[in-house]
Amino acid sequence: MTEPPSVTDPSLRLHLIRHGETAWSLSGQHTGRTDLALTARGEAQASTLGPRLSAIAFAHVFTSPALRAQRTCALAAPGPPAAVIDPDLAEWDYGDYEGRTSNDIRKDRPGWNCFRDGCPGGESPADVSNRADRLIARLCRLSGNVALFSHGEFGCSLAARWIGLAIMQGAHFRLATASLSILGFNPNQPGLRVIAQWNATE
């Protein structure tokens, strides 16, 4: 396991926002490449992010290509600046497990854990770890507040890699829809990456 690159500007703060509710996030179905819209509740959740994000001066805003993330970004309105689509913020590619729940998958594959076992026909843990590290490497060239509109399991993977954990440890994190988390640095120990806030929904 390689360590993510170090950062030169300690002002960097990554504001990780999971998209609002969709029909499949409500039912627990794995949603990777399927481009679902937000539910009415999901749209309301995204709108309530607005007042929280408007108090933050963002230097950069990035969003997953998925409609649910882009719509959450538009309703939360964190800009300016304008949002930039970054393919590396996409959700885990679940391959053959797309649209299935974890309980359903475990009927055929007892003990299955996405962060350890990956998905046939989709991404492996190494694939997602490499993608998260690639994203972190680019983000580490930035400074200030950065908004990232992304997804549940990729967001957990990104957090794990931010603090130097193996991708499998992402299984110990959980992100609610329309939640806000902050990845940053310990002000008392320069260069030490921390999770400054996790899974805040209010």
Protein backbone atom coordinates (compact mmCIF):
# COMPACT_ATOMS: atom_id res chain seq x y z
CA MET A 1 0.00 0.00 0.00
CA THR A 2 1.43 3.36 -1.02
CA GLU A 3 0.93 6.49 1.03
CA PRO A 4 -1.01 9.32 -0.62
CA PRO A 5 1.22 12.28 -1.48
CA SER A 6 1.87 14.96 1.10
CA VAL A 7 0.32 18.40 0.83
CA THR A 8 2.22 21.66 0.78
CA ASP A 9 -0.60 24.01 1.80
CA PRO A 10 -2.22 23.22 5.20
CA SER A 11 -5.16 25.50 4.35
CA LEU A 12 -6.60 22.73 2.14
CA ARG A 13 -9.94 21.49 3.47
CA LEU A 14 -11.95 18.96 1.51
CA HIS A 15 -15.70 19.28 2.06
CA LEU A 16 -17.07 15.90 1.03
CA ILE A 17 -20.80 15.95 0.26
CA ARG A 18 -22.76 12.81 -0.51
CA HIS A 19 -25.64 13.26 -2.95
CA GLY A 20 -29.25 13.39 -1.78
CA GLU A 21 -31.60 10.43 -1.60
CA THR A 22 -32.44 8.33 -4.66
CA ALA A 23 -34.89 5.45 -4.96
CA TRP A 24 -31.99 2.98 -4.75
CA SER A 25 -30.20 4.63 -1.83
CA LEU A 26 -33.54 4.34 0.00
CA SER A 27 -33.94 0.65 -0.88
CA GLY A 28 -30.27 -0.18 -0.26
CA GLN A 29 -29.53 -1.18 -3.85
CA HIS A 30 -25.96 -0.63 -4.98
CA THR A 31 -25.90 2.27 -7.42
CA GLY A 32 -22.71 2.67 -9.38
CA ARG A 33 -23.12 3.59 -13.04
CA THR A 34 -26.95 3.65 -13.08
CA ASP A 35 -27.81 7.33 -13.45
CA LEU A 36 -30.76 7.80 -11.11
CA ALA A 37 -32.40 11.11 -10.32
CA LEU A 38 -32.97 12.36 -6.79
CA THR A 39 -36.29 11.62 -5.13
CA ALA A 40 -38.42 14.54 -3.99
CA ARG A 41 -36.94 14.05 -0.51
CA GLY A 42 -33.46 13.95 -2.04
CA GLU A 43 -34.06 17.28 -3.74
CA ALA A 44 -35.22 18.78 -0.43
CA GLN A 45 -32.14 17.36 1.32
CA ALA A 46 -29.86 18.91 -1.29
CA SER A 47 -31.55 22.29 -0.93
CA THR A 48 -31.06 22.28 2.83
CA LEU A 49 -27.31 21.99 2.27
CA GLY A 50 -27.36 25.47 0.76
CA PRO A 51 -27.30 27.56 3.96
CA ARG A 52 -24.51 25.42 5.43
CA LEU A 53 -22.35 25.68 2.33
CA SER A 54 -23.07 29.35 1.63
CA ALA A 55 -21.11 30.31 4.71
CA ILE A 56 -17.96 28.76 3.22
CA ALA A 57 -15.81 30.52 0.62
CA PHE A 58 -14.92 27.73 -1.79
CA ALA A 59 -11.84 27.99 -3.96
CA HIS A 60 -12.90 24.97 -6.06
CA VAL A 61 -16.04 22.88 -6.57
CA PHE A 62 -15.92 19.40 -8.11
CA THR A 63 -18.71 16.91 -8.74
CA SER A 64 -19.07 13.32 -9.85
CA PRO A 65 -20.44 12.93 -13.38
CA ALA A 66 -23.56 11.20 -12.00
CA LEU A 67 -26.83 13.08 -12.31
CA ARG A 68 -27.61 12.61 -8.62
CA ALA A 69 -24.35 14.30 -7.60
CA GLN A 70 -24.60 17.08 -10.16
CA ARG A 71 -28.20 17.82 -9.13
CA THR A 72 -27.22 17.89 -5.46
CA CYS A 73 -24.45 20.33 -6.31
CA ALA A 74 -26.81 22.56 -8.29
CA LEU A 75 -29.42 22.65 -5.51
CA ALA A 76 -26.86 23.20 -2.76
CA ALA A 77 -25.36 26.02 -4.85
CA PRO A 78 -21.91 26.17 -3.23
CA GLY A 79 -20.39 28.38 -5.94
CA PRO A 80 -18.94 30.48 -7.29
CA PRO A 81 -16.73 29.06 -8.64
CA ALA A 82 -18.58 26.92 -11.17
CA ALA A 83 -18.56 23.19 -10.55
CA VAL A 84 -16.15 21.03 -12.55
CA ILE A 85 -17.03 17.41 -13.34
CA ASP A 86 -14.32 15.00 -12.17
CA PRO A 87 -14.75 11.35 -13.22
CA ASP A 88 -12.65 10.18 -10.27
CA LEU A 89 -15.46 11.25 -7.90
CA ALA A 90 -17.78 8.59 -9.39
CA GLU A 91 -19.22 5.87 -7.19
CA TRP A 92 -17.65 2.41 -7.00
CA ASP A 93 -18.39 0.46 -10.19
CA TYR A 94 -20.42 -2.46 -8.86
CA GLY A 95 -20.34 -4.43 -12.12
CA ASP A 96 -22.47 -7.56 -11.82
CA TYR A 97 -23.75 -6.39 -8.43
CA GLU A 98 -25.29 -3.19 -9.78
CA GLY A 99 -28.84 -2.77 -8.49
CA ARG A 100 -28.55 -5.55 -5.89
CA THR A 101 -28.60 -5.16 -2.12
CA SER A 102 -25.81 -6.44 0.09
CA ASN A 103 -28.13 -8.98 1.71
CA ASP A 104 -29.12 -10.32 -1.70
CA ILE A 105 -25.50 -10.59 -2.82
CA ARG A 106 -24.57 -12.50 0.36
CA LYS A 107 -27.13 -15.19 -0.46
CA ASP A 108 -24.82 -16.20 -3.31
CA ARG A 109 -21.56 -15.04 -1.73
CA PRO A 110 -21.68 -15.34 2.08
CA GLY A 111 -19.61 -12.78 3.94
CA TRP A 112 -19.16 -10.53 0.92
CA ASN A 113 -17.67 -7.13 1.72
CA CYS A 114 -17.29 -4.64 -1.11
CA PHE A 115 -14.23 -2.98 0.44
CA ARG A 116 -12.42 -6.32 0.74
CA ASP A 117 -13.80 -8.35 -2.15
CA GLY A 118 -14.74 -5.84 -4.83
CA CYS A 119 -17.29 -6.55 -7.54
CA PRO A 120 -17.07 -9.01 -10.45
CA GLY A 121 -17.32 -7.14 -13.72
CA GLY A 122 -16.69 -3.88 -11.84
CA GLU A 123 -13.95 -2.34 -9.71
CA SER A 124 -11.67 -4.13 -7.28
CA PRO A 125 -10.54 -2.56 -4.00
CA ALA A 126 -7.15 -1.88 -5.64
CA ASP A 127 -8.89 -0.07 -8.51
CA VAL A 128 -10.78 2.20 -6.14
CA SER A 129 -7.75 2.75 -3.92
CA ASN A 130 -5.71 3.82 -6.94
CA ARG A 131 -8.49 6.12 -8.09
CA ALA A 132 -8.77 7.73 -4.66
CA ASP A 133 -5.00 8.23 -4.50
CA ARG A 134 -5.00 9.76 -7.97
CA LEU A 135 -7.71 12.20 -6.92
CA ILE A 136 -5.91 13.06 -3.69
CA ALA A 137 -2.71 13.73 -5.61
CA ARG A 138 -4.52 16.32 -7.74
CA LEU A 139 -6.34 17.87 -4.79
CA CYS A 140 -3.07 18.24 -2.91
CA ARG A 141 -1.96 20.77 -5.49
CA LEU A 142 -4.82 23.06 -4.43
CA SER A 143 -5.40 25.25 -1.39
CA GLY A 144 -8.34 26.59 0.58
CA ASN A 145 -11.84 25.11 0.78
CA VAL A 146 -12.73 22.52 -1.85
CA ALA A 147 -16.23 21.05 -2.31
CA LEU A 148 -16.48 17.45 -3.52
CA PHE A 149 -19.93 16.13 -4.48
CA SER A 150 -19.66 12.37 -4.55
CA HIS A 151 -21.10 9.10 -3.26
CA GLY A 152 -21.35 6.79 -0.27
CA GLU A 153 -18.83 4.01 -0.71
CA PHE A 154 -16.38 6.02 -2.76
CA GLY A 155 -16.57 8.79 -0.16
CA CYS A 156 -15.71 6.29 2.56
CA SER A 157 -12.85 5.01 0.43
CA LEU A 158 -11.54 8.52 -0.10
CA ALA A 159 -11.62 9.23 3.63
CA ALA A 160 -9.74 6.03 4.39
CA ARG A 161 -7.00 6.85 1.90
CA TRP A 162 -6.84 10.49 3.06
CA ILE A 163 -5.68 9.34 6.49
CA GLY A 164 -3.45 6.59 5.10
CA LEU A 165 -5.65 3.57 5.81
CA ALA A 166 -6.00 0.59 3.50
CA ILE A 167 -9.11 0.72 1.36
CA MET A 168 -10.65 -2.17 3.32
CA GLN A 169 -10.90 0.11 6.35
CA GLY A 170 -13.46 2.17 4.43
CA ALA A 171 -15.97 -0.46 5.55
CA HIS A 172 -15.84 1.09 9.01
CA PHE A 173 -17.15 4.44 7.72
CA ARG A 174 -20.70 5.31 6.76
CA LEU A 175 -22.14 8.28 4.89
CA ALA A 176 -25.79 9.30 4.97
CA THR A 177 -27.38 10.95 1.96
CA ALA A 178 -26.83 14.73 1.80
CA SER A 179 -24.18 14.50 4.52
CA LEU A 180 -21.20 16.82 4.90
CA SER A 181 -17.77 15.62 6.00
CA ILE A 182 -14.51 17.54 6.17
CA LEU A 183 -11.04 16.14 5.53
CA GLY A 184 -8.22 18.38 6.65
CA PHE A 185 -5.21 18.67 8.93
CA ASN A 186 -4.46 18.72 12.64
CA PRO A 187 -3.54 22.37 13.39
CA ASN A 188 -1.32 21.24 16.25
CA GLN A 189 0.65 18.78 14.15
CA PRO A 190 1.42 20.18 10.69
CA GLY A 191 0.98 17.72 7.87
CA LEU A 192 -1.03 15.21 9.88
CA ARG A 193 -4.20 14.39 7.97
CA VAL A 194 -7.41 14.12 9.96
CA ILE A 195 -11.12 13.68 9.53
CA ALA A 196 -12.22 17.00 10.99
CA GLN A 197 -15.95 16.27 10.62
CA TRP A 198 -17.85 13.18 9.57
CA ASN A 199 -21.35 12.45 8.29
CA ALA A 200 -23.01 15.66 9.50
CA THR A 201 -26.60 15.90 8.32
CA GLU A 202 -27.71 19.05 10.17
